[in-house]
């Protein structure tokens, strides 16, 4: 098969629902892993992370957020539970929007002043931008067909009876 035919066949997938769902699943898995990992470091000291006591020093002194304990727990919860929500696809758009907000706050308070790439505390903002981009895709497009959101939507739509108003029933509904 020549290269032009291969390119043409690859281009045929761009509007495919399966390709869209596969791409969203890939984006969700990456976001989930990174944010659950980082949130667990902050909240629980997992993966040799700082835990709340040591992370609050960073939040207070480097990020300048006060009260530092509050913002440490808030950031850790957004990352940990937002990552779980995106990964499982439960309230995925809301969770992804929360993760985008978390990265915007990290850029505003720490990394933007460091530049795109930096060895200073907090690093540069290149990772923040990448995560904002992927999070924005999930927040905008949703979690796709391979998610708990889709399962819940499917079951909800099958169980909800349709309300059909007959002209003679309008008075009865207004009286109740």
N, C-alpha and C. Protein backbone atom coordinates (compact mmCIF):
# COMPACT_ATOMS: atom_id res chain seq x y z
N UNK A 1 0.85 -1.17 0.00
CA UNK A 1 0.00 0.00 0.00
C UNK A 1 0.90 1.23 0.00
N UNK A 2 0.59 2.17 -0.87
CA UNK A 2 1.42 3.36 -0.92
C UNK A 2 1.00 4.36 0.17
N UNK A 3 1.85 5.31 0.41
CA UNK A 3 1.68 6.27 1.49
C UNK A 3 0.43 7.13 1.31
N UNK A 4 0.09 7.51 0.10
CA UNK A 4 -1.08 8.36 -0.12
C UNK A 4 -2.38 7.63 0.23
N UNK A 5 -2.44 6.32 -0.09
CA UNK A 5 -3.64 5.55 0.26
C UNK A 5 -3.74 5.34 1.78
N UNK A 6 -2.61 5.14 2.41
CA UNK A 6 -2.60 5.00 3.87
C UNK A 6 -3.07 6.29 4.54
N UNK A 7 -2.60 7.40 4.04
CA UNK A 7 -3.01 8.71 4.57
C UNK A 7 -4.51 8.92 4.36
N UNK A 8 -5.00 8.54 3.19
CA UNK A 8 -6.42 8.69 2.87
C UNK A 8 -7.28 7.84 3.80
N UNK A 9 -6.85 6.60 4.05
CA UNK A 9 -7.61 5.72 4.94
C UNK A 9 -7.58 6.24 6.38
N UNK A 10 -6.46 6.79 6.81
CA UNK A 10 -6.38 7.35 8.16
C UNK A 10 -7.31 8.56 8.28
N UNK A 11 -7.40 9.35 7.23
CA UNK A 11 -8.27 10.53 7.23
C UNK A 11 -9.74 10.19 7.31
N UNK A 12 -10.12 9.00 6.88
CA UNK A 12 -11.51 8.58 6.92
C UNK A 12 -12.01 8.39 8.36
N UNK A 13 -11.12 8.23 9.30
CA UNK A 13 -11.53 7.99 10.69
C UNK A 13 -11.86 9.26 11.44
N UNK A 14 -11.55 10.43 10.88
CA UNK A 14 -11.68 11.67 11.65
C UNK A 14 -13.10 11.97 12.10
N UNK A 15 -14.10 11.53 11.36
CA UNK A 15 -15.48 11.78 11.74
C UNK A 15 -16.16 10.54 12.32
N UNK A 16 -15.38 9.53 12.61
CA UNK A 16 -15.92 8.29 13.14
C UNK A 16 -16.22 8.42 14.64
N UNK A 17 -17.41 8.02 15.08
CA UNK A 17 -17.70 8.04 16.52
C UNK A 17 -16.73 7.18 17.33
N UNK A 18 -16.30 6.06 16.77
CA UNK A 18 -15.35 5.20 17.48
C UNK A 18 -14.01 5.90 17.65
N UNK A 19 -13.57 6.63 16.63
CA UNK A 19 -12.30 7.37 16.75
C UNK A 19 -12.43 8.47 17.78
N UNK A 20 -13.56 9.17 17.80
CA UNK A 20 -13.80 10.23 18.79
C UNK A 20 -13.78 9.65 20.20
N UNK A 21 -14.50 8.54 20.41
CA UNK A 21 -14.55 7.92 21.73
C UNK A 21 -13.19 7.39 22.17
N UNK A 22 -12.43 6.86 21.22
CA UNK A 22 -11.09 6.36 21.53
C UNK A 22 -10.17 7.51 21.93
N UNK A 23 -10.24 8.62 21.19
CA UNK A 23 -9.42 9.79 21.51
C UNK A 23 -9.79 10.36 22.88
N UNK A 24 -11.09 10.45 23.16
CA UNK A 24 -11.53 10.95 24.47
C UNK A 24 -11.10 10.02 25.60
N UNK A 25 -11.18 8.73 25.37
CA UNK A 25 -10.73 7.78 26.39
C UNK A 25 -9.24 7.94 26.65
N UNK A 26 -8.44 8.10 25.59
CA UNK A 26 -7.00 8.32 25.76
C UNK A 26 -6.72 9.58 26.54
N UNK A 27 -7.41 10.67 26.21
CA UNK A 27 -7.23 11.94 26.93
C UNK A 27 -7.63 11.78 28.39
N UNK A 28 -8.74 11.09 28.65
CA UNK A 28 -9.22 10.90 30.02
C UNK A 28 -8.26 10.07 30.85
N UNK A 29 -7.71 9.01 30.28
CA UNK A 29 -6.78 8.15 31.02
C UNK A 29 -5.53 8.93 31.41
N UNK A 30 -4.99 9.71 30.48
CA UNK A 30 -3.79 10.51 30.77
C UNK A 30 -4.09 11.53 31.86
N UNK A 31 -5.19 12.28 31.71
CA UNK A 31 -5.54 13.27 32.73
C UNK A 31 -5.76 12.60 34.09
N UNK A 32 -6.49 11.50 34.09
CA UNK A 32 -6.78 10.81 35.34
C UNK A 32 -5.51 10.38 36.05
N UNK A 33 -4.61 9.73 35.32
CA UNK A 33 -3.39 9.24 35.95
C UNK A 33 -2.58 10.39 36.54
N UNK A 34 -2.36 11.43 35.78
CA UNK A 34 -1.53 12.54 36.26
C UNK A 34 -2.16 13.25 37.46
N UNK A 35 -3.46 13.51 37.39
CA UNK A 35 -4.09 14.26 38.48
C UNK A 35 -4.34 13.40 39.72
N UNK A 36 -4.72 12.16 39.57
CA UNK A 36 -4.88 11.30 40.74
C UNK A 36 -3.53 11.13 41.43
N UNK A 37 -2.49 10.91 40.66
CA UNK A 37 -1.14 10.77 41.20
C UNK A 37 -0.74 12.03 41.99
N UNK A 38 -0.88 13.19 41.38
CA UNK A 38 -0.47 14.44 42.02
C UNK A 38 -1.36 14.77 43.22
N UNK A 39 -2.66 14.55 43.10
CA UNK A 39 -3.56 14.79 44.22
C UNK A 39 -3.28 13.87 45.39
N UNK A 40 -2.96 12.60 45.10
CA UNK A 40 -2.62 11.65 46.16
C UNK A 40 -1.31 12.03 46.85
N UNK A 41 -0.36 12.56 46.08
CA UNK A 41 0.88 13.06 46.68
C UNK A 41 0.58 14.18 47.68
N UNK A 42 -0.26 15.10 47.26
CA UNK A 42 -0.57 16.27 48.08
C UNK A 42 -1.39 15.89 49.31
N UNK A 43 -2.45 15.11 49.12
CA UNK A 43 -3.36 14.81 50.21
C UNK A 43 -2.83 13.74 51.17
N UNK A 44 -2.25 12.68 50.62
CA UNK A 44 -1.92 11.51 51.43
C UNK A 44 -0.43 11.23 51.55
N UNK A 45 0.40 11.98 50.86
CA UNK A 45 1.84 11.70 50.86
C UNK A 45 2.17 10.46 50.06
N UNK A 46 1.26 10.02 49.20
CA UNK A 46 1.48 8.82 48.38
C UNK A 46 2.59 9.09 47.37
N UNK A 47 3.19 8.02 46.87
CA UNK A 47 4.23 8.10 45.84
C UNK A 47 5.39 9.02 46.28
N UNK A 48 5.71 8.98 47.53
CA UNK A 48 6.79 9.80 48.12
C UNK A 48 6.47 11.29 48.03
N UNK A 49 5.18 11.63 48.00
CA UNK A 49 4.77 13.03 47.92
C UNK A 49 4.85 13.73 49.26
N UNK A 50 4.60 15.03 49.26
CA UNK A 50 4.79 15.82 50.47
C UNK A 50 3.71 15.63 51.53
N UNK A 51 2.50 15.26 51.16
CA UNK A 51 1.42 15.24 52.13
C UNK A 51 0.99 16.67 52.44
N UNK A 52 -0.08 16.81 53.19
CA UNK A 52 -0.65 18.14 53.44
C UNK A 52 0.32 19.03 54.20
N UNK A 53 0.96 18.50 55.26
CA UNK A 53 1.83 19.37 56.08
C UNK A 53 2.97 19.99 55.28
N UNK A 54 3.64 19.21 54.45
CA UNK A 54 4.75 19.76 53.68
C UNK A 54 4.27 20.54 52.45
N UNK A 55 3.16 20.11 51.84
CA UNK A 55 2.63 20.81 50.67
C UNK A 55 2.12 22.19 51.04
N UNK A 56 1.60 22.34 52.26
CA UNK A 56 1.08 23.66 52.65
C UNK A 56 2.18 24.71 52.70
N UNK A 57 3.41 24.32 52.94
CA UNK A 57 4.54 25.26 52.92
C UNK A 57 4.69 25.82 51.51
N UNK A 58 4.62 24.94 50.51
CA UNK A 58 4.71 25.37 49.11
C UNK A 58 3.55 26.31 48.77
N UNK A 59 2.33 25.90 49.13
CA UNK A 59 1.15 26.71 48.81
C UNK A 59 1.23 28.09 49.47
N UNK A 60 1.73 28.16 50.69
CA UNK A 60 1.79 29.43 51.40
C UNK A 60 2.96 30.29 50.98
N UNK A 61 4.16 29.71 50.88
CA UNK A 61 5.35 30.51 50.62
C UNK A 61 5.61 30.74 49.13
N UNK A 62 5.49 29.73 48.32
CA UNK A 62 5.80 29.85 46.89
C UNK A 62 4.59 30.39 46.12
N UNK A 63 3.41 29.77 46.34
CA UNK A 63 2.21 30.19 45.61
C UNK A 63 1.56 31.42 46.23
N UNK A 64 1.84 31.68 47.49
CA UNK A 64 1.27 32.85 48.15
C UNK A 64 -0.22 32.74 48.42
N UNK A 65 -0.71 31.52 48.60
CA UNK A 65 -2.13 31.30 48.86
C UNK A 65 -2.36 31.12 50.36
N UNK A 66 -3.28 31.92 50.91
CA UNK A 66 -3.56 31.86 52.34
C UNK A 66 -5.06 31.83 52.56
N UNK A 67 -5.57 31.01 53.46
CA UNK A 67 -4.84 30.12 54.35
C UNK A 67 -4.29 28.91 53.59
N UNK A 68 -3.04 28.66 53.78
CA UNK A 68 -2.31 27.66 53.00
C UNK A 68 -2.90 26.25 53.14
N UNK A 69 -3.31 25.87 54.35
CA UNK A 69 -3.87 24.52 54.54
C UNK A 69 -5.14 24.37 53.72
N UNK A 70 -6.00 25.38 53.73
CA UNK A 70 -7.24 25.33 52.96
C UNK A 70 -6.96 25.13 51.48
N UNK A 71 -6.06 25.92 50.92
CA UNK A 71 -5.78 25.83 49.49
C UNK A 71 -5.04 24.54 49.14
N UNK A 72 -4.26 24.02 50.08
CA UNK A 72 -3.59 22.73 49.86
C UNK A 72 -4.62 21.62 49.75
N UNK A 73 -5.54 21.58 50.69
CA UNK A 73 -6.58 20.54 50.68
C UNK A 73 -7.50 20.73 49.47
N UNK A 74 -7.87 21.97 49.19
CA UNK A 74 -8.74 22.24 48.03
C UNK A 74 -8.07 21.79 46.73
N UNK A 75 -6.82 22.18 46.53
CA UNK A 75 -6.10 21.78 45.32
C UNK A 75 -5.94 20.27 45.23
N UNK A 76 -5.59 19.64 46.34
CA UNK A 76 -5.44 18.18 46.36
C UNK A 76 -6.74 17.47 46.05
N UNK A 77 -7.86 17.96 46.60
CA UNK A 77 -9.17 17.35 46.34
C UNK A 77 -9.59 17.53 44.89
N UNK A 78 -9.38 18.73 44.35
CA UNK A 78 -9.73 18.96 42.94
C UNK A 78 -8.93 18.01 42.06
N UNK A 79 -7.64 17.87 42.34
CA UNK A 79 -6.80 17.00 41.51
C UNK A 79 -7.15 15.53 41.69
N UNK A 80 -7.27 15.07 42.93
CA UNK A 80 -7.52 13.65 43.19
C UNK A 80 -8.91 13.23 42.72
N UNK A 81 -9.94 13.92 43.21
CA UNK A 81 -11.30 13.52 42.87
C UNK A 81 -11.68 13.95 41.45
N UNK A 82 -11.14 15.06 40.98
CA UNK A 82 -11.36 15.44 39.59
C UNK A 82 -10.74 14.43 38.64
N UNK A 83 -9.54 13.94 38.99
CA UNK A 83 -8.90 12.90 38.18
C UNK A 83 -9.71 11.63 38.14
N UNK A 84 -10.26 11.24 39.29
CA UNK A 84 -11.11 10.04 39.34
C UNK A 84 -12.36 10.26 38.48
N UNK A 85 -12.98 11.43 38.60
CA UNK A 85 -14.18 11.72 37.81
C UNK A 85 -13.92 11.68 36.32
N UNK A 86 -12.81 12.27 35.90
CA UNK A 86 -12.46 12.26 34.47
C UNK A 86 -12.14 10.83 34.03
N UNK A 87 -11.37 10.11 34.83
CA UNK A 87 -10.97 8.76 34.45
C UNK A 87 -12.14 7.81 34.30
N UNK A 88 -13.06 7.86 35.25
CA UNK A 88 -14.23 6.98 35.18
C UNK A 88 -15.30 7.55 34.26
N UNK A 89 -15.21 8.82 33.98
CA UNK A 89 -16.21 9.45 33.13
C UNK A 89 -17.50 9.70 33.89
N UNK A 90 -17.40 10.06 35.16
CA UNK A 90 -18.58 10.39 35.95
C UNK A 90 -18.52 11.88 36.28
N UNK A 91 -19.51 12.63 35.84
CA UNK A 91 -19.49 14.09 35.92
C UNK A 91 -18.20 14.61 35.26
N UNK A 92 -17.86 13.99 34.16
CA UNK A 92 -16.58 14.21 33.50
C UNK A 92 -16.35 15.64 33.02
N UNK A 93 -17.38 16.27 32.48
CA UNK A 93 -17.20 17.66 32.01
C UNK A 93 -16.91 18.58 33.18
N UNK A 94 -17.65 18.42 34.25
CA UNK A 94 -17.43 19.24 35.45
C UNK A 94 -16.06 18.98 36.05
N UNK A 95 -15.68 17.72 36.14
CA UNK A 95 -14.37 17.36 36.68
C UNK A 95 -13.25 17.94 35.81
N UNK A 96 -13.39 17.83 34.50
CA UNK A 96 -12.36 18.38 33.60
C UNK A 96 -12.28 19.89 33.72
N UNK A 97 -13.42 20.55 33.85
CA UNK A 97 -13.41 22.01 34.03
C UNK A 97 -12.70 22.38 35.33
N UNK A 98 -12.90 21.60 36.38
CA UNK A 98 -12.20 21.82 37.64
C UNK A 98 -10.70 21.67 37.49
N UNK A 99 -10.27 20.68 36.72
CA UNK A 99 -8.84 20.47 36.50
C UNK A 99 -8.24 21.61 35.68
N UNK A 100 -8.99 22.11 34.70
CA UNK A 100 -8.53 23.26 33.92
C UNK A 100 -8.35 24.46 34.85
N UNK A 101 -9.32 24.69 35.72
CA UNK A 101 -9.22 25.79 36.68
C UNK A 101 -8.04 25.62 37.62
N UNK A 102 -7.80 24.40 38.04
CA UNK A 102 -6.65 24.11 38.92
C UNK A 102 -5.33 24.47 38.24
N UNK A 103 -5.20 24.12 36.97
CA UNK A 103 -3.98 24.43 36.23
C UNK A 103 -3.86 25.93 35.93
N UNK A 104 -4.98 26.59 35.68
CA UNK A 104 -4.93 28.04 35.50
C UNK A 104 -4.45 28.72 36.78
N UNK A 105 -4.94 28.26 37.93
CA UNK A 105 -4.51 28.83 39.21
C UNK A 105 -3.03 28.56 39.44
N UNK A 106 -2.55 27.38 39.08
CA UNK A 106 -1.12 27.08 39.22
C UNK A 106 -0.29 28.01 38.35
N UNK A 107 -0.77 28.28 37.15
CA UNK A 107 -0.05 29.21 36.27
C UNK A 107 -0.03 30.61 36.84
N UNK A 108 -1.18 31.07 37.31
CA UNK A 108 -1.28 32.44 37.83
C UNK A 108 -0.41 32.63 39.06
N UNK A 109 -0.43 31.66 39.96
CA UNK A 109 0.25 31.84 41.25
C UNK A 109 1.72 31.46 41.24
N UNK A 110 2.14 30.55 40.36
CA UNK A 110 3.51 30.04 40.44
C UNK A 110 4.25 30.05 39.12
N UNK A 111 3.77 29.30 38.15
CA UNK A 111 4.61 28.96 37.01
C UNK A 111 4.74 30.03 35.95
N UNK A 112 3.75 30.91 35.79
CA UNK A 112 3.83 31.90 34.72
C UNK A 112 5.05 32.81 34.90
N UNK A 113 5.31 33.22 36.13
CA UNK A 113 6.47 34.08 36.40
C UNK A 113 7.78 33.36 36.13
N UNK A 114 7.77 32.02 36.15
CA UNK A 114 8.98 31.24 35.91
C UNK A 114 9.30 31.11 34.42
N UNK A 115 8.34 31.39 33.56
CA UNK A 115 8.54 31.22 32.12
C UNK A 115 8.07 29.86 31.65
N UNK A 116 8.24 29.61 30.36
CA UNK A 116 7.76 28.36 29.78
C UNK A 116 8.46 27.15 30.40
N UNK A 117 9.77 27.18 30.47
CA UNK A 117 10.54 26.09 31.06
C UNK A 117 11.47 26.68 32.11
N UNK A 118 11.51 26.04 33.28
CA UNK A 118 12.30 26.61 34.37
C UNK A 118 12.68 25.53 35.37
N UNK A 119 13.80 25.74 36.05
CA UNK A 119 14.21 24.88 37.14
C UNK A 119 13.84 25.47 38.50
N UNK A 120 13.18 26.62 38.50
CA UNK A 120 12.77 27.25 39.75
C UNK A 120 11.65 26.44 40.40
N UNK A 121 11.37 26.66 41.69
CA UNK A 121 10.29 25.91 42.36
C UNK A 121 8.96 26.06 41.62
N UNK A 122 8.34 24.93 41.35
CA UNK A 122 7.09 24.92 40.59
C UNK A 122 7.31 24.70 39.11
N UNK A 123 8.51 24.91 38.62
CA UNK A 123 8.82 24.71 37.21
C UNK A 123 8.20 25.76 36.31
N UNK A 124 8.25 25.50 35.04
CA UNK A 124 7.67 26.40 34.05
C UNK A 124 6.22 26.03 33.80
N UNK A 125 5.60 26.74 32.87
CA UNK A 125 4.16 26.50 32.66
C UNK A 125 3.84 25.64 31.45
N UNK A 126 4.84 24.97 30.86
CA UNK A 126 4.55 24.14 29.70
C UNK A 126 3.62 22.98 30.02
N UNK A 127 3.81 22.32 31.16
CA UNK A 127 2.93 21.21 31.54
C UNK A 127 1.54 21.73 31.86
N UNK A 128 1.46 22.89 32.51
CA UNK A 128 0.15 23.48 32.80
C UNK A 128 -0.64 23.69 31.52
N UNK A 129 0.02 24.25 30.49
CA UNK A 129 -0.67 24.50 29.22
C UNK A 129 -1.12 23.21 28.55
N UNK A 130 -0.28 22.19 28.58
CA UNK A 130 -0.64 20.91 27.98
C UNK A 130 -1.86 20.30 28.69
N UNK A 131 -1.85 20.34 30.02
CA UNK A 131 -2.97 19.78 30.76
C UNK A 131 -4.23 20.60 30.59
N UNK A 132 -4.10 21.92 30.48
CA UNK A 132 -5.26 22.77 30.21
C UNK A 132 -5.86 22.40 28.85
N UNK A 133 -5.00 22.20 27.86
CA UNK A 133 -5.48 21.83 26.52
C UNK A 133 -6.24 20.52 26.52
N UNK A 134 -5.70 19.50 27.14
CA UNK A 134 -6.36 18.20 27.18
C UNK A 134 -7.63 18.27 28.03
N UNK A 135 -7.55 18.96 29.15
CA UNK A 135 -8.73 19.12 29.99
C UNK A 135 -9.85 19.88 29.30
N UNK A 136 -9.47 20.89 28.52
CA UNK A 136 -10.46 21.67 27.78
C UNK A 136 -11.18 20.80 26.76
N UNK A 137 -10.47 19.90 26.11
CA UNK A 137 -11.09 18.99 25.14
C UNK A 137 -12.15 18.13 25.83
N UNK A 138 -11.81 17.56 26.99
CA UNK A 138 -12.77 16.71 27.70
C UNK A 138 -13.94 17.55 28.23
N UNK A 139 -13.66 18.75 28.76
CA UNK A 139 -14.73 19.61 29.27
C UNK A 139 -15.69 20.01 28.14
N UNK A 140 -15.16 20.23 26.96
CA UNK A 140 -15.98 20.67 25.83
C UNK A 140 -16.72 19.51 25.16
N UNK A 141 -16.03 18.41 24.91
CA UNK A 141 -16.63 17.29 24.17
C UNK A 141 -17.31 16.26 25.06
N UNK A 142 -17.04 16.28 26.34
CA UNK A 142 -17.60 15.28 27.24
C UNK A 142 -16.70 14.07 27.35
N UNK A 143 -17.24 13.01 27.91
CA UNK A 143 -16.43 11.83 28.20
C UNK A 143 -16.58 10.72 27.17
N UNK A 144 -17.45 10.89 26.21
CA UNK A 144 -17.61 9.89 25.17
C UNK A 144 -18.49 8.72 25.59
N UNK A 145 -18.59 7.76 24.70
CA UNK A 145 -19.48 6.60 24.93
C UNK A 145 -18.93 5.61 25.94
N UNK A 146 -17.61 5.60 26.13
CA UNK A 146 -17.01 4.65 27.05
C UNK A 146 -16.77 5.31 28.41
N UNK A 147 -17.88 5.62 29.08
CA UNK A 147 -17.79 6.32 30.36
C UNK A 147 -19.01 5.98 31.20
N UNK A 148 -18.91 6.23 32.50
CA UNK A 148 -20.06 6.04 33.38
C UNK A 148 -21.14 7.07 33.08
N UNK A 149 -20.76 8.27 32.63
CA UNK A 149 -21.75 9.26 32.23
C UNK A 149 -22.67 8.69 31.14
N UNK A 150 -22.09 8.01 30.16
CA UNK A 150 -22.88 7.44 29.06
C UNK A 150 -23.79 6.33 29.57
N UNK A 151 -23.30 5.50 30.49
CA UNK A 151 -24.11 4.43 31.06
C UNK A 151 -25.28 5.01 31.82
N UNK A 152 -25.02 6.02 32.65
CA UNK A 152 -26.08 6.64 33.43
C UNK A 152 -27.10 7.31 32.52
N UNK A 153 -26.61 8.04 31.51
CA UNK A 153 -27.52 8.68 30.55
C UNK A 153 -28.41 7.65 29.86
N UNK A 154 -27.82 6.55 29.46
CA UNK A 154 -28.55 5.50 28.76
C UNK A 154 -29.64 4.90 29.66
N UNK A 155 -29.28 4.60 30.88
CA UNK A 155 -30.26 4.00 31.81
C UNK A 155 -31.33 5.01 32.19
N UNK A 156 -30.94 6.27 32.36
CA UNK A 156 -31.90 7.31 32.74
C UNK A 156 -32.91 7.52 31.62
N UNK A 157 -32.46 7.54 30.39
CA UNK A 157 -33.37 7.79 29.28
C UNK A 157 -34.33 6.62 29.05
N UNK A 158 -33.93 5.39 29.43
CA UNK A 158 -34.80 4.24 29.27
C UNK A 158 -35.83 4.14 30.39
N UNK A 159 -35.56 4.71 31.54
CA UNK A 159 -36.46 4.60 32.69
C UNK A 159 -37.42 5.77 32.81
N UNK A 160 -37.08 6.88 32.24
CA UNK A 160 -37.89 8.08 32.38
C UNK A 160 -39.10 8.00 31.45
N UNK A 161 -40.32 8.00 32.00
CA UNK A 161 -41.49 7.95 31.11
C UNK A 161 -41.67 9.29 30.40
N UNK A 162 -42.07 9.20 29.18
CA UNK A 162 -42.31 10.42 28.41
C UNK A 162 -43.65 11.01 28.83
N UNK A 163 -43.68 12.29 29.05
CA UNK A 163 -44.91 12.99 29.43
C UNK A 163 -45.55 13.50 28.15
N UNK A 164 -46.70 12.93 27.84
CA UNK A 164 -47.42 13.35 26.64
C UNK A 164 -48.67 14.09 27.11
N UNK A 165 -48.77 15.32 26.69
CA UNK A 165 -49.92 16.12 27.08
C UNK A 165 -51.00 16.03 26.01
N UNK A 166 -52.11 15.55 26.42
CA UNK A 166 -53.28 15.52 25.55
C UNK A 166 -54.05 16.80 25.81
N UNK A 167 -54.63 17.39 24.80
CA UNK A 167 -55.34 18.67 25.03
C UNK A 167 -56.35 18.60 26.18
N UNK A 168 -56.98 17.45 26.40
CA UNK A 168 -57.97 17.33 27.47
C UNK A 168 -57.33 17.20 28.84
N UNK A 169 -56.04 16.86 28.91
CA UNK A 169 -55.37 16.66 30.19
C UNK A 169 -54.74 17.93 30.74
N UNK A 170 -54.68 18.99 29.99
CA UNK A 170 -54.02 20.21 30.44
C UNK A 170 -54.70 20.80 31.66
N UNK A 171 -56.01 20.81 31.69
CA UNK A 171 -56.73 21.37 32.83
C UNK A 171 -56.48 20.53 34.08
N UNK A 172 -56.42 19.22 33.92
CA UNK A 172 -56.17 18.35 35.05
C UNK A 172 -54.77 18.60 35.64
N UNK A 173 -53.77 18.78 34.78
CA UNK A 173 -52.41 19.03 35.26
C UNK A 173 -52.30 20.39 35.95
N UNK A 174 -53.01 21.38 35.45
CA UNK A 174 -52.97 22.71 36.04
C UNK A 174 -53.62 22.71 37.42
N UNK A 175 -54.63 21.87 37.63
CA UNK A 175 -55.31 21.82 38.92
C UNK A 175 -54.51 21.09 39.98
N UNK A 176 -53.63 20.18 39.58
CA UNK A 176 -52.87 19.41 40.58
C UNK A 176 -51.67 20.10 41.09
